[in-house]
Structure formats: C-alpha cells, structure tokens
Amino acid sequence: MMLRYYQGTPMVKYLSDIALSLSLLLGSVYLWFVADAIPTFARYQNVDSDFWPKALLIIIGVLAMGLLYQSIAAAKLRHKERSVAEIAEPSDKSPNSWKKLLLVVFLVFAYFWGLRLLGFLIATVIFLSFAVHLANYSNRLIKILFPFVFTGIITVIFAKLLSLPLPRGAGIFYDISLFFY
C-alpha cells in the first residue's frame, strides 16, 4: 500500500506535500481561467486554442487531488501511529542518493544535447533506456520494451496526430528521422 512509504517520515514532509498539492490544484484552477482568455482562431475549427492547455490542467488538477488525498491520509495515519507508540524515524538518505541525482542531471543535459545531434527518436530511446535502469525497476521485459513503445506513442501523437515538428537530428540521423516522420 502507498501509505507504507510515509511510516517514519517527519510531519514536515506531510505538510510540504499538502502545501504542494494545494498550490498545484489552485494553480491549475487559476490557469484554467487564464486559458479561457486565449483568443480563438478560425483555423482551428474542431479543437479550439484553449483545448490542450485545459486538457493538461485537468490532468494536473486530478493528480494534485490524488496527492492531496494521499498526503492527508498519510498524515492522519502517522498521527494515529504516534499516539499509540513512539516510532523511531529512520534516515531517508542513502549514501548513493547524491550520486544518482548527479547522474540524472547529467542524463537530462545529455538528452537535450542529443536531441540536436541524434534527433527525437534515437535520443529519447537512449534517454529512457538509461532512465529505466536508474529507476531500479525489476521487470527486464519492461526495461527493454518501455523506451521503444513510449517513444513510438509520443512520436505518433505529436508528429502524426498533432502535426508538430520534432527534432530530426543531423547527418544520417536526419535521414533516419525522415523515414519515420
């Protein structure tokens, strides 16, 4: 159960999670009204200009409500456990956490650099392959298939359905990208 994660966590963590989720929820509601002010264009007859911002704001709002519910439930559970018995608080910091953080930062910068050189398809597959291994996910089939499937889905959505340009890379990578989109 997800609430197990919160056992032994200080109350500051719950309060910060609640504050973050409330600010995301309120921010998405505010931005919804801002999106209403986006001017409409005759070119977009089926999908108005504010459709995609509002769709993303709905997703953010729903996720923020889920985080808010989970944080409040975890805080209540923690308070209940503390009233029954005092629990020792383990340290959340592992010795390798800062190394992993630096590796992720390097990976993100390498991805943005790779987009120009390799193009969206190849750079995203490589990025996701490394990211899945950093996440220590145990299912080997998912580790192998996820980068390819996710990149394919994103490419179809953005390049084919929305007709948005994706980075194509340089040299031979440009030619490979032209083959797919």
N, C-alpha and C. Protein backbone atom coordinates (compact mmCIF):
# COMPACT_ATOMS: atom_id res chain seq x y z
N MET A 1 0.84 -1.18 0.00
CA MET A 1 0.00 0.00 0.00
C MET A 1 0.89 1.24 0.00
N MET A 2 0.46 2.30 -0.65
CA MET A 2 1.27 3.51 -0.76
C MET A 2 1.51 4.19 0.58
N LEU A 3 0.65 3.99 1.54
CA LEU A 3 0.81 4.67 2.82
C LEU A 3 2.00 4.12 3.60
N ARG A 4 2.50 2.96 3.26
CA ARG A 4 3.66 2.40 3.93
C ARG A 4 4.88 3.30 3.79
N TYR A 5 4.98 4.00 2.68
CA TYR A 5 6.11 4.88 2.42
C TYR A 5 6.23 5.95 3.50
N TYR A 6 5.12 6.38 4.05
CA TYR A 6 5.11 7.50 4.97
C TYR A 6 5.42 7.11 6.41
N GLN A 7 5.52 5.83 6.71
CA GLN A 7 5.86 5.45 8.06
C GLN A 7 7.27 5.90 8.39
N GLY A 8 7.42 6.58 9.49
CA GLY A 8 8.72 7.04 9.91
C GLY A 8 9.14 8.36 9.27
N THR A 9 8.25 8.99 8.54
CA THR A 9 8.56 10.24 7.89
C THR A 9 8.15 11.39 8.80
N PRO A 10 8.98 12.44 8.89
CA PRO A 10 8.62 13.58 9.75
C PRO A 10 7.37 14.30 9.24
N MET A 11 6.68 14.98 10.16
CA MET A 11 5.44 15.67 9.83
C MET A 11 5.67 16.79 8.80
N VAL A 12 6.87 17.35 8.74
CA VAL A 12 7.18 18.39 7.77
C VAL A 12 6.96 17.87 6.35
N LYS A 13 7.26 16.61 6.12
CA LYS A 13 7.07 16.01 4.80
C LYS A 13 5.60 16.03 4.42
N TYR A 14 4.72 15.70 5.36
CA TYR A 14 3.29 15.70 5.06
C TYR A 14 2.80 17.11 4.76
N LEU A 15 3.23 18.05 5.59
CA LEU A 15 2.80 19.43 5.39
C LEU A 15 3.30 19.99 4.07
N SER A 16 4.53 19.66 3.70
CA SER A 16 5.04 20.14 2.40
C SER A 16 4.31 19.47 1.24
N ASP A 17 3.97 18.19 1.37
CA ASP A 17 3.19 17.51 0.32
C ASP A 17 1.80 18.13 0.19
N ILE A 18 1.18 18.43 1.33
CA ILE A 18 -0.15 19.05 1.31
C ILE A 18 -0.07 20.44 0.69
N ALA A 19 0.93 21.23 1.07
CA ALA A 19 1.09 22.57 0.51
C ALA A 19 1.36 22.51 -0.99
N LEU A 20 2.20 21.57 -1.43
CA LEU A 20 2.49 21.43 -2.86
C LEU A 20 1.24 21.05 -3.64
N SER A 21 0.50 20.07 -3.14
CA SER A 21 -0.69 19.62 -3.86
C SER A 21 -1.76 20.71 -3.89
N LEU A 22 -1.91 21.45 -2.80
CA LEU A 22 -2.87 22.56 -2.80
C LEU A 22 -2.46 23.65 -3.78
N SER A 23 -1.16 23.97 -3.82
CA SER A 23 -0.71 25.01 -4.75
C SER A 23 -0.86 24.55 -6.20
N LEU A 24 -0.61 23.27 -6.48
CA LEU A 24 -0.83 22.75 -7.84
C LEU A 24 -2.31 22.80 -8.21
N LEU A 25 -3.16 22.45 -7.28
CA LEU A 25 -4.60 22.46 -7.54
C LEU A 25 -5.09 23.89 -7.77
N LEU A 26 -4.72 24.79 -6.89
CA LEU A 26 -5.14 26.19 -7.04
C LEU A 26 -4.53 26.82 -8.30
N GLY A 27 -3.27 26.48 -8.59
CA GLY A 27 -2.63 26.99 -9.79
C GLY A 27 -3.31 26.50 -11.05
N SER A 28 -3.74 25.25 -11.07
CA SER A 28 -4.41 24.72 -12.26
C SER A 28 -5.78 25.36 -12.44
N VAL A 29 -6.47 25.65 -11.33
CA VAL A 29 -7.76 26.34 -11.43
C VAL A 29 -7.54 27.76 -11.97
N TYR A 30 -6.54 28.46 -11.45
CA TYR A 30 -6.24 29.81 -11.92
C TYR A 30 -5.88 29.80 -13.41
N LEU A 31 -5.02 28.87 -13.80
CA LEU A 31 -4.60 28.81 -15.21
C LEU A 31 -5.74 28.40 -16.14
N TRP A 32 -6.75 27.70 -15.61
CA TRP A 32 -7.93 27.38 -16.40
C TRP A 32 -8.61 28.67 -16.86
N PHE A 33 -8.75 29.61 -15.92
CA PHE A 33 -9.38 30.89 -16.27
C PHE A 33 -8.47 31.71 -17.19
N VAL A 34 -7.17 31.58 -17.04
CA VAL A 34 -6.25 32.25 -17.96
C VAL A 34 -6.40 31.67 -19.36
N ALA A 35 -6.56 30.34 -19.45
CA ALA A 35 -6.72 29.68 -20.76
C ALA A 35 -8.02 30.11 -21.43
N ASP A 36 -9.03 30.49 -20.64
CA ASP A 36 -10.27 30.99 -21.24
C ASP A 36 -10.04 32.27 -22.02
N ALA A 37 -9.01 33.02 -21.65
CA ALA A 37 -8.73 34.30 -22.31
C ALA A 37 -7.93 34.14 -23.60
N ILE A 38 -7.50 32.93 -23.93
CA ILE A 38 -6.76 32.71 -25.16
C ILE A 38 -7.68 32.97 -26.34
N PRO A 39 -7.25 33.81 -27.28
CA PRO A 39 -8.14 34.13 -28.41
C PRO A 39 -8.38 32.90 -29.29
N THR A 40 -9.54 32.83 -29.86
CA THR A 40 -9.88 31.71 -30.74
C THR A 40 -9.49 32.07 -32.17
N PHE A 41 -9.12 31.05 -32.94
CA PHE A 41 -8.71 31.23 -34.32
C PHE A 41 -9.63 30.41 -35.22
N ALA A 42 -9.96 30.96 -36.34
CA ALA A 42 -10.85 30.27 -37.28
C ALA A 42 -10.19 29.02 -37.86
N ARG A 43 -8.87 28.99 -37.87
CA ARG A 43 -8.14 27.85 -38.44
C ARG A 43 -8.40 26.57 -37.67
N TYR A 44 -8.58 26.71 -36.37
CA TYR A 44 -8.79 25.54 -35.52
C TYR A 44 -10.29 25.39 -35.26
N GLN A 45 -10.98 24.79 -36.20
CA GLN A 45 -12.42 24.66 -36.07
C GLN A 45 -12.82 23.55 -35.11
N ASN A 46 -12.14 22.41 -35.19
CA ASN A 46 -12.53 21.27 -34.36
C ASN A 46 -11.99 21.39 -32.94
N VAL A 47 -10.75 21.81 -32.81
CA VAL A 47 -10.13 21.93 -31.49
C VAL A 47 -9.76 23.38 -31.30
N ASP A 48 -10.37 24.01 -30.31
CA ASP A 48 -10.11 25.42 -30.06
C ASP A 48 -8.72 25.61 -29.47
N SER A 49 -8.26 26.84 -29.43
CA SER A 49 -6.90 27.15 -28.97
C SER A 49 -6.68 26.78 -27.51
N ASP A 50 -7.72 26.79 -26.72
CA ASP A 50 -7.55 26.52 -25.30
C ASP A 50 -7.76 25.05 -24.94
N PHE A 51 -7.97 24.19 -25.93
CA PHE A 51 -8.25 22.78 -25.64
C PHE A 51 -7.08 22.08 -24.94
N TRP A 52 -5.89 22.14 -25.52
CA TRP A 52 -4.75 21.40 -24.96
C TRP A 52 -4.30 21.96 -23.62
N PRO A 53 -4.24 23.29 -23.45
CA PRO A 53 -3.91 23.77 -22.10
C PRO A 53 -4.92 23.31 -21.05
N LYS A 54 -6.20 23.35 -21.41
CA LYS A 54 -7.23 22.92 -20.45
C LYS A 54 -7.15 21.41 -20.18
N ALA A 55 -6.84 20.63 -21.21
CA ALA A 55 -6.70 19.19 -21.02
C ALA A 55 -5.56 18.88 -20.05
N LEU A 56 -4.43 19.57 -20.23
CA LEU A 56 -3.30 19.38 -19.32
C LEU A 56 -3.63 19.86 -17.91
N LEU A 57 -4.36 20.94 -17.80
CA LEU A 57 -4.73 21.45 -16.48
C LEU A 57 -5.68 20.51 -15.77
N ILE A 58 -6.55 19.84 -16.48
CA ILE A 58 -7.42 18.84 -15.86
C ILE A 58 -6.58 17.70 -15.31
N ILE A 59 -5.61 17.24 -16.08
CA ILE A 59 -4.73 16.16 -15.62
C ILE A 59 -3.95 16.59 -14.38
N ILE A 60 -3.41 17.81 -14.41
CA ILE A 60 -2.66 18.31 -13.26
C ILE A 60 -3.58 18.42 -12.04
N GLY A 61 -4.79 18.91 -12.23
CA GLY A 61 -5.74 19.04 -11.12
C GLY A 61 -6.11 17.70 -10.51
N VAL A 62 -6.36 16.70 -11.36
CA VAL A 62 -6.72 15.37 -10.85
C VAL A 62 -5.54 14.76 -10.08
N LEU A 63 -4.34 14.88 -10.63
CA LEU A 63 -3.17 14.36 -9.94
C LEU A 63 -2.91 15.10 -8.63
N ALA A 64 -3.15 16.41 -8.62
CA ALA A 64 -2.97 17.19 -7.39
C ALA A 64 -3.98 16.76 -6.33
N MET A 65 -5.22 16.48 -6.74
CA MET A 65 -6.23 16.00 -5.78
C MET A 65 -5.84 14.63 -5.23
N GLY A 66 -5.29 13.77 -6.08
CA GLY A 66 -4.83 12.47 -5.60
C GLY A 66 -3.69 12.60 -4.62
N LEU A 67 -2.74 13.48 -4.91
CA LEU A 67 -1.62 13.72 -3.99
C LEU A 67 -2.12 14.32 -2.69
N LEU A 68 -3.08 15.23 -2.77
CA LEU A 68 -3.64 15.84 -1.57
C LEU A 68 -4.32 14.79 -0.70
N TYR A 69 -5.13 13.94 -1.31
CA TYR A 69 -5.79 12.87 -0.57
C TYR A 69 -4.78 11.94 0.09
N GLN A 70 -3.79 11.53 -0.68
CA GLN A 70 -2.77 10.61 -0.15
C GLN A 70 -1.99 11.26 0.99
N SER A 71 -1.66 12.52 0.87
CA SER A 71 -0.88 13.20 1.90
C SER A 71 -1.69 13.37 3.19
N ILE A 72 -2.96 13.72 3.05
CA ILE A 72 -3.80 13.87 4.24
C ILE A 72 -4.03 12.52 4.91
N ALA A 73 -4.28 11.49 4.12
CA ALA A 73 -4.48 10.15 4.69
C ALA A 73 -3.22 9.67 5.39
N ALA A 74 -2.06 9.93 4.79
CA ALA A 74 -0.81 9.50 5.40
C ALA A 74 -0.53 10.29 6.68
N ALA A 75 -0.85 11.59 6.69
CA ALA A 75 -0.66 12.39 7.90
C ALA A 75 -1.55 11.90 9.02
N LYS A 76 -2.79 11.55 8.70
CA LYS A 76 -3.71 11.02 9.72
C LYS A 76 -3.19 9.69 10.27
N LEU A 77 -2.72 8.85 9.36
CA LEU A 77 -2.18 7.55 9.79
C LEU A 77 -0.95 7.75 10.67
N ARG A 78 -0.10 8.66 10.30
CA ARG A 78 1.10 8.94 11.09
C ARG A 78 0.73 9.46 12.47
N HIS A 79 -0.23 10.36 12.53
CA HIS A 79 -0.66 10.91 13.81
C HIS A 79 -1.25 9.82 14.70
N LYS A 80 -2.02 8.93 14.09
CA LYS A 80 -2.62 7.82 14.84
C LYS A 80 -1.54 6.88 15.38
N GLU A 81 -0.54 6.58 14.54
CA GLU A 81 0.54 5.69 14.98
C GLU A 81 1.36 6.33 16.09
N ARG A 82 1.60 7.63 15.99
CA ARG A 82 2.39 8.34 17.01
C ARG A 82 1.67 8.37 18.34
N SER A 83 0.35 8.45 18.30
CA SER A 83 -0.38 8.49 19.56
C SER A 83 -0.37 7.13 20.25
N VAL A 84 -0.25 6.07 19.48
CA VAL A 84 -0.21 4.73 20.08
C VAL A 84 1.18 4.43 20.62
N ALA A 85 2.18 4.65 19.85
CA ALA A 85 3.55 4.37 20.29
C ALA A 85 4.52 5.28 19.55
N GLU A 86 5.60 5.66 20.21
CA GLU A 86 6.61 6.50 19.58
C GLU A 86 7.43 5.63 18.64
N ILE A 87 7.54 6.08 17.38
CA ILE A 87 8.25 5.31 16.36
C ILE A 87 9.57 6.01 16.06
N ALA A 88 10.62 5.23 16.00
CA ALA A 88 11.92 5.78 15.64
C ALA A 88 11.90 6.17 14.17
N GLU A 89 12.47 7.32 13.86
CA GLU A 89 12.46 7.82 12.50
C GLU A 89 13.75 7.43 11.78
N PRO A 90 13.65 6.53 10.80
CA PRO A 90 14.85 6.16 10.05
C PRO A 90 15.27 7.27 9.09
N SER A 91 16.50 7.26 8.75
CA SER A 91 17.02 8.25 7.82
C SER A 91 16.63 7.89 6.40
N ASP A 92 16.12 8.87 5.65
CA ASP A 92 15.71 8.64 4.26
C ASP A 92 16.89 8.72 3.31
N LYS A 93 18.01 9.23 3.78
CA LYS A 93 19.14 9.47 2.88
C LYS A 93 20.02 8.22 2.77
N SER A 94 20.20 7.77 1.56
CA SER A 94 21.12 6.68 1.33
C SER A 94 22.44 7.29 0.85
N PRO A 95 23.56 6.59 1.04
CA PRO A 95 24.84 7.17 0.64
C PRO A 95 24.97 7.42 -0.85
N ASN A 96 24.20 6.72 -1.67
CA ASN A 96 24.33 6.87 -3.12
C ASN A 96 23.30 7.83 -3.72
N SER A 97 22.46 8.44 -2.89
CA SER A 97 21.39 9.27 -3.44
C SER A 97 21.94 10.49 -4.18
N TRP A 98 22.99 11.13 -3.67
CA TRP A 98 23.53 12.30 -4.35
C TRP A 98 24.21 11.91 -5.66
N LYS A 99 24.79 10.71 -5.72
CA LYS A 99 25.40 10.24 -6.96
C LYS A 99 24.33 10.00 -8.03
N LYS A 100 23.21 9.42 -7.59
CA LYS A 100 22.11 9.18 -8.51
C LYS A 100 21.53 10.50 -9.02
N LEU A 101 21.41 11.47 -8.14
CA LEU A 101 20.91 12.78 -8.53
C LEU A 101 21.81 13.42 -9.57
N LEU A 102 23.11 13.39 -9.35
CA LEU A 102 24.05 13.96 -10.33
C LEU A 102 23.98 13.22 -11.66
N LEU A 103 23.81 11.90 -11.58
CA LEU A 103 23.70 11.11 -12.80
C LEU A 103 22.44 11.48 -13.58
N VAL A 104 21.34 11.69 -12.89
CA VAL A 104 20.09 12.09 -13.55
C VAL A 104 20.23 13.47 -14.17
N VAL A 105 20.87 14.41 -13.46
CA VAL A 105 21.08 15.75 -14.01
C VAL A 105 21.94 15.66 -15.27
N PHE A 106 23.00 14.88 -15.23
CA PHE A 106 23.85 14.69 -16.40
C PHE A 106 23.05 14.06 -17.54
N LEU A 107 22.21 13.09 -17.22
CA LEU A 107 21.40 12.41 -18.23
C LEU A 107 20.44 13.37 -18.92
N VAL A 108 19.84 14.28 -18.16
CA VAL A 108 18.92 15.26 -18.75
C VAL A 108 19.66 16.21 -19.68
N PHE A 109 20.83 16.70 -19.23
CA PHE A 109 21.61 17.58 -20.10
C PHE A 109 22.07 16.85 -21.36
N ALA A 110 22.46 15.60 -21.22
CA ALA A 110 22.88 14.80 -22.37
C ALA A 110 21.71 14.58 -23.34
N TYR A 111 20.51 14.42 -22.80
CA TYR A 111 19.33 14.25 -23.65
C TYR A 111 19.07 15.50 -24.49
N PHE A 112 19.13 16.67 -23.86
CA PHE A 112 18.90 17.90 -24.60
C PHE A 112 19.99 18.13 -25.65
N TRP A 113 21.21 17.79 -25.34
CA TRP A 113 22.29 17.88 -26.32
C TRP A 113 22.06 16.86 -27.44
N GLY A 114 21.63 15.65 -27.06
CA GLY A 114 21.41 14.59 -28.03
C GLY A 114 20.26 14.85 -28.97
N LEU A 115 19.28 15.65 -28.53
CA LEU A 115 18.15 15.96 -29.41
C LEU A 115 18.62 16.65 -30.69
N ARG A 116 19.58 17.55 -30.57
CA ARG A 116 20.08 18.25 -31.76
C ARG A 116 20.87 17.34 -32.68
N LEU A 117 21.69 16.50 -32.08
CA LEU A 117 22.57 15.65 -32.86
C LEU A 117 21.86 14.40 -33.38
N LEU A 118 21.16 13.70 -32.49
CA LEU A 118 20.57 12.41 -32.83
C LEU A 118 19.12 12.48 -33.29
N GLY A 119 18.42 13.53 -32.94
CA GLY A 119 17.00 13.62 -33.25
C GLY A 119 16.16 13.05 -32.13
N PHE A 120 14.86 13.29 -32.20
CA PHE A 120 13.95 12.90 -31.14
C PHE A 120 13.90 11.39 -30.91
N LEU A 121 13.75 10.63 -31.98
CA LEU A 121 13.57 9.18 -31.83
C LEU A 121 14.75 8.52 -31.11
N ILE A 122 15.92 8.69 -31.62
CA ILE A 122 17.09 8.00 -31.09
C ILE A 122 17.46 8.54 -29.71
N ALA A 123 17.44 9.86 -29.55
CA ALA A 123 17.80 10.46 -28.26
C ALA A 123 16.82 10.04 -27.16
N THR A 124 15.54 9.98 -27.47
CA THR A 124 14.54 9.61 -26.47
C THR A 124 14.66 8.14 -26.09
N VAL A 125 14.89 7.27 -27.06
CA VAL A 125 15.07 5.84 -26.74
C VAL A 125 16.29 5.65 -25.83
N ILE A 126 17.39 6.32 -26.15
CA ILE A 126 18.61 6.19 -25.33
C ILE A 126 18.37 6.77 -23.94
N PHE A 127 17.76 7.95 -23.87
CA PHE A 127 17.47 8.58 -22.59
C PHE A 127 16.60 7.70 -21.71
N LEU A 128 15.50 7.19 -22.28
CA LEU A 128 14.59 6.35 -21.50
C LEU A 128 15.23 5.03 -21.10
N SER A 129 16.11 4.49 -21.94
CA SER A 129 16.80 3.25 -21.58
C SER A 129 17.66 3.45 -20.33
N PHE A 130 18.40 4.55 -20.29
CA PHE A 130 19.20 4.83 -19.10
C PHE A 130 18.33 5.17 -17.90
N ALA A 131 17.27 5.93 -18.13
CA ALA A 131 16.40 6.34 -17.02
C ALA A 131 15.70 5.14 -16.37
N VAL A 132 15.27 4.19 -17.18
CA VAL A 132 14.62 3.00 -16.63
C VAL A 132 15.60 2.20 -15.77
N HIS A 133 16.84 2.13 -16.19
CA HIS A 133 17.84 1.39 -15.40
C HIS A 133 18.19 2.13 -14.12
N LEU A 134 18.16 3.45 -14.15
CA LEU A 134 18.40 4.22 -12.93
C LEU A 134 17.28 4.06 -11.92
N ALA A 135 16.07 3.79 -12.40
CA ALA A 135 14.91 3.64 -11.52
C ALA A 135 14.90 2.30 -10.79
N ASN A 136 15.81 1.41 -11.12
CA ASN A 136 15.90 0.09 -10.48
C ASN A 136 14.62 -0.71 -10.59
N TYR A 137 13.97 -0.65 -11.73
CA TYR A 137 12.77 -1.44 -11.96
C TYR A 137 13.19 -2.86 -12.25
N SER A 138 12.50 -3.84 -11.67
CA SER A 138 12.98 -5.22 -11.73
C SER A 138 12.53 -6.00 -12.96
N ASN A 139 11.45 -5.64 -13.61
CA ASN A 139 10.94 -6.38 -14.76
C ASN A 139 11.81 -6.09 -15.99
N ARG A 140 12.56 -7.08 -16.44
CA ARG A 140 13.50 -6.89 -17.54
C ARG A 140 12.80 -6.64 -18.87
N LEU A 141 11.66 -7.28 -19.10
CA LEU A 141 10.93 -7.08 -20.34
C LEU A 141 10.44 -5.63 -20.46
N ILE A 142 9.95 -5.09 -19.37
CA ILE A 142 9.51 -3.69 -19.37
C ILE A 142 10.70 -2.77 -19.59
N LYS A 143 11.84 -3.07 -18.98
CA LYS A 143 13.03 -2.25 -19.16
C LYS A 143 13.45 -2.18 -20.62
N ILE A 144 13.24 -3.25 -21.35
CA ILE A 144 13.64 -3.29 -22.75
C ILE A 144 12.58 -2.66 -23.65
N LEU A 145 11.31 -2.96 -23.41
CA LEU A 145 10.24 -2.50 -24.30
C LEU A 145 9.80 -1.06 -24.06
N PHE A 146 9.82 -0.60 -22.82
CA PHE A 146 9.27 0.72 -22.50
C PHE A 146 9.87 1.86 -23.32
N PRO A 147 11.19 1.97 -23.45
CA PRO A 147 11.71 3.10 -24.23
C PRO A 147 11.22 3.13 -25.67
N PHE A 148 11.10 1.98 -26.30
CA PHE A 148 10.67 1.92 -27.70
C PHE A 148 9.17 2.20 -27.84
N VAL A 149 8.37 1.58 -26.97
CA VAL A 149 6.92 1.77 -27.05
C VAL A 149 6.54 3.20 -26.72
N PHE A 150 7.10 3.74 -25.65
CA PHE A 150 6.77 5.10 -25.24
C PHE A 150 7.19 6.12 -26.30
N THR A 151 8.39 5.95 -26.85
CA THR A 151 8.86 6.86 -27.90
C THR A 151 7.98 6.76 -29.13
N GLY A 152 7.57 5.56 -29.48
CA GLY A 152 6.68 5.38 -30.63
C GLY A 152 5.34 6.05 -30.41
N ILE A 153 4.77 5.90 -29.23
CA ILE A 153 3.47 6.52 -28.93
C ILE A 153 3.58 8.05 -28.98
N ILE A 154 4.62 8.59 -28.36
CA ILE A 154 4.80 10.04 -28.36
C ILE A 154 5.03 10.56 -29.77
N THR A 155 5.78 9.83 -30.58
CA THR A 155 6.03 10.25 -31.96
C THR A 155 4.73 10.26 -32.77
N VAL A 156 3.92 9.24 -32.62
CA VAL A 156 2.65 9.18 -33.35
C VAL A 156 1.75 10.34 -32.91
N ILE A 157 1.67 10.58 -31.61
CA ILE A 157 0.79 11.65 -31.12
C ILE A 157 1.25 13.01 -31.63
N PHE A 158 2.53 13.32 -31.45
CA PHE A 158 3.00 14.65 -31.80
C PHE A 158 3.23 14.85 -33.29
N ALA A 159 3.87 13.89 -33.95
CA ALA A 159 4.22 14.08 -35.35
C ALA A 159 3.05 13.80 -36.29
N LYS A 160 2.28 12.77 -36.01
CA LYS A 160 1.20 12.38 -36.94
C LYS A 160 -0.14 13.03 -36.59
N LEU A 161 -0.58 12.90 -35.33
CA LEU A 161 -1.90 13.42 -34.97
C LEU A 161 -1.92 14.93 -34.84
N LEU A 162 -0.92 15.50 -34.18
CA LEU A 162 -0.91 16.94 -33.95
C LEU A 162 -0.11 17.71 -35.00
N SER A 163 0.61 17.00 -35.85
CA SER A 163 1.45 17.60 -36.90
C SER A 163 2.43 18.62 -36.34
N LEU A 164 3.03 18.29 -35.21
CA LEU A 164 4.04 19.15 -34.60
C LEU A 164 5.43 18.66 -35.01
N PRO A 165 6.34 19.56 -35.29
CA PRO A 165 7.69 19.13 -35.68
C PRO A 165 8.47 18.64 -34.47
N LEU A 166 9.17 17.56 -34.66
CA LEU A 166 10.06 17.02 -33.63
C LEU A 166 11.49 17.16 -34.12
N PRO A 167 12.46 17.30 -33.22
CA PRO A 167 13.86 17.41 -33.66
C PRO A 167 14.25 16.18 -34.48
N ARG A 168 14.91 16.42 -35.61
CA ARG A 168 15.26 15.33 -36.52
C ARG A 168 16.72 14.92 -36.47
N GLY A 169 17.56 15.69 -35.84
CA GLY A 169 18.97 15.35 -35.76
C GLY A 169 19.75 15.91 -36.92
N ALA A 170 20.99 15.45 -37.03
CA ALA A 170 21.88 15.94 -38.08
C ALA A 170 22.50 14.75 -38.81
N GLY A 171 22.84 14.97 -40.07
CA GLY A 171 23.52 13.93 -40.85
C GLY A 171 22.64 12.73 -41.11
N ILE A 172 23.19 11.56 -40.85
CA ILE A 172 22.45 10.32 -41.09
C ILE A 172 21.24 10.19 -40.17
N PHE A 173 21.32 10.80 -38.99
CA PHE A 173 20.20 10.76 -38.06
C PHE A 173 19.00 11.53 -38.61
N TYR A 174 19.27 12.57 -39.38
CA TYR A 174 18.20 13.32 -40.05
C TYR A 174 17.48 12.41 -41.04
N ASP A 175 18.25 11.63 -41.79
CA ASP A 175 17.65 10.72 -42.77
C ASP A 175 16.83 9.63 -42.09
N ILE A 176 17.31 9.13 -40.96
CA ILE A 176 16.56 8.12 -40.20
C ILE A 176 15.25 8.71 -39.72
N SER A 177 15.28 9.94 -39.21
CA SER A 177 14.08 10.60 -38.74
C SER A 177 13.08 10.81 -39.87
N LEU A 178 13.58 11.17 -41.06
CA LEU A 178 12.70 11.37 -42.20
C LEU A 178 11.96 10.08 -42.57
N PHE A 179 12.60 8.94 -42.34
CA PHE A 179 11.98 7.66 -42.63
C PHE A 179 10.75 7.43 -41.74
N PHE A 180 10.80 7.89 -40.48
CA PHE A 180 9.73 7.63 -39.54
C PHE A 180 8.68 8.74 -39.50
N TYR A 181 9.09 9.98 -39.65
CA TYR A 181 8.12 11.09 -39.60
C TYR A 181 8.61 12.26 -40.41
